[in-house]
Protein backbone atom coordinates (compact mmCIF):
# COMPACT_ATOMS: atom_id res chain seq x y z
CA MET A 1 0.00 0.00 0.00
CA PHE A 2 1.33 3.41 -0.92
CA PHE A 3 0.62 6.58 1.00
CA ALA A 4 0.56 9.94 -0.67
CA GLU A 5 3.22 12.18 0.73
CA GLU A 6 1.95 15.52 1.89
CA GLU A 7 3.82 18.37 0.36
CA ASP A 8 5.40 20.61 3.00
CA VAL A 9 4.65 24.03 1.59
CA THR A 10 5.81 27.07 3.49
CA PHE A 11 4.16 30.30 2.52
CA THR A 12 6.58 33.20 2.57
CA MET A 13 5.74 36.62 3.88
CA GLU A 14 7.31 38.21 0.81
CA GLY A 15 5.15 41.04 -0.47
CA LEU A 16 3.38 41.65 2.85
CA ASP A 17 3.80 45.13 4.29
CA PHE A 18 2.71 45.12 7.93
CA GLN A 19 1.16 48.37 9.16
CA GLU A 20 0.37 49.60 12.69
CA ASN A 21 0.88 46.70 15.14
CA SER A 22 -0.20 44.01 12.68
CA LYS A 23 3.25 42.35 12.63
CA GLU A 24 3.26 42.09 16.43
CA MET A 25 -0.25 40.65 16.28
CA PHE A 26 0.88 38.11 13.69
CA ASP A 27 3.90 37.10 15.79
CA LYS A 28 1.94 36.84 19.05
CA VAL A 29 -0.78 34.68 17.51
CA CYS A 30 1.88 32.35 16.11
CA GLN A 31 3.75 32.23 19.44
CA ALA A 32 0.53 31.39 21.31
CA SER A 33 0.13 28.23 19.24
CA PRO A 34 1.67 25.06 20.63
CA PHE A 35 5.11 24.50 19.14
CA PHE A 36 4.05 21.43 17.18
CA VAL A 37 1.30 23.31 15.27
CA ARG A 38 2.97 26.74 15.03
CA HIS A 39 4.03 26.02 11.44
CA PHE A 40 0.39 25.40 10.45
CA THR A 41 -0.77 28.54 12.26
CA ARG A 42 1.81 30.69 10.51
CA ASN A 43 1.10 29.20 7.09
CA GLY A 44 -2.65 29.56 7.59
CA LEU A 45 -2.29 33.24 8.42
CA VAL A 46 0.08 33.95 5.53
CA LYS A 47 -2.12 32.03 3.11
CA GLY A 48 -5.19 33.93 4.35
CA LEU A 49 -3.43 37.28 3.98
CA LYS A 50 -2.22 36.46 0.48
CA ALA A 51 -5.65 35.13 -0.55
CA ARG A 52 -7.02 38.61 0.20
CA GLY A 53 -4.47 40.08 -2.18
CA CYS A 54 -2.95 41.98 0.70
CA GLY A 55 0.10 44.03 0.21
CA LYS A 56 -0.52 46.23 3.20
CA VAL A 57 -1.57 44.27 6.26
CA THR A 58 -3.50 46.39 8.73
CA GLU A 59 -4.75 45.44 12.17
CA SER A 60 -8.28 45.27 10.77
CA ILE A 61 -7.18 42.78 8.12
CA MET A 62 -5.48 40.68 10.82
CA TYR A 63 -8.82 40.46 12.65
CA ASP A 64 -10.62 39.44 9.45
CA VAL A 65 -8.07 36.81 8.48
CA CYS A 66 -7.91 35.36 11.99
CA ARG A 67 -11.70 35.04 12.01
CA GLU A 68 -11.52 33.20 8.68
CA VAL A 69 -8.67 30.77 9.39
CA THR A 70 -8.85 30.10 13.15
CA PRO A 71 -10.79 27.03 14.26
CA PRO A 72 -13.87 28.10 16.27
CA LYS A 73 -12.56 26.40 19.40
CA TYR A 74 -9.56 28.79 19.49
CA LEU A 75 -11.10 31.95 18.07
CA ASP A 76 -11.90 33.68 21.38
CA ASN A 77 -8.31 33.30 22.60
CA THR A 78 -6.94 34.49 19.27
CA LEU A 79 -9.13 37.59 19.31
CA LYS A 80 -7.98 38.36 22.87
CA ILE A 81 -4.37 38.27 21.67
CA LEU A 82 -5.21 40.68 18.87
CA ASP A 83 -7.05 42.97 21.28
CA GLU A 84 -4.00 43.10 23.57
CA HIS A 85 -1.78 44.35 20.74
CA LYS A 86 -4.04 46.63 18.73
CA THR A 87 -3.24 50.30 18.38
CA TYR A 88 -5.47 52.40 20.59
CA GLY A 89 -8.60 53.51 18.80
CA THR A 90 -8.52 51.11 15.87
């Protein structure tokens, strides 16, 4: 029996221009993930940002992408992390 090998694709952050505190938000969400799934968290976020055609990544876009790619079970915690690092008034 043969098993299909999963391709290990890493999405690069090339072309993303983080604005406001969006880079810190990105990093903190990734760091909050358990080490063994951090790669999937990072790739999911990058893939979500690129799927939106983002060049400039704002805090608002980080909220939208996190809502789209985060499993419901972890969404509340993810949004709390974003709230802790958002620029006042945004």
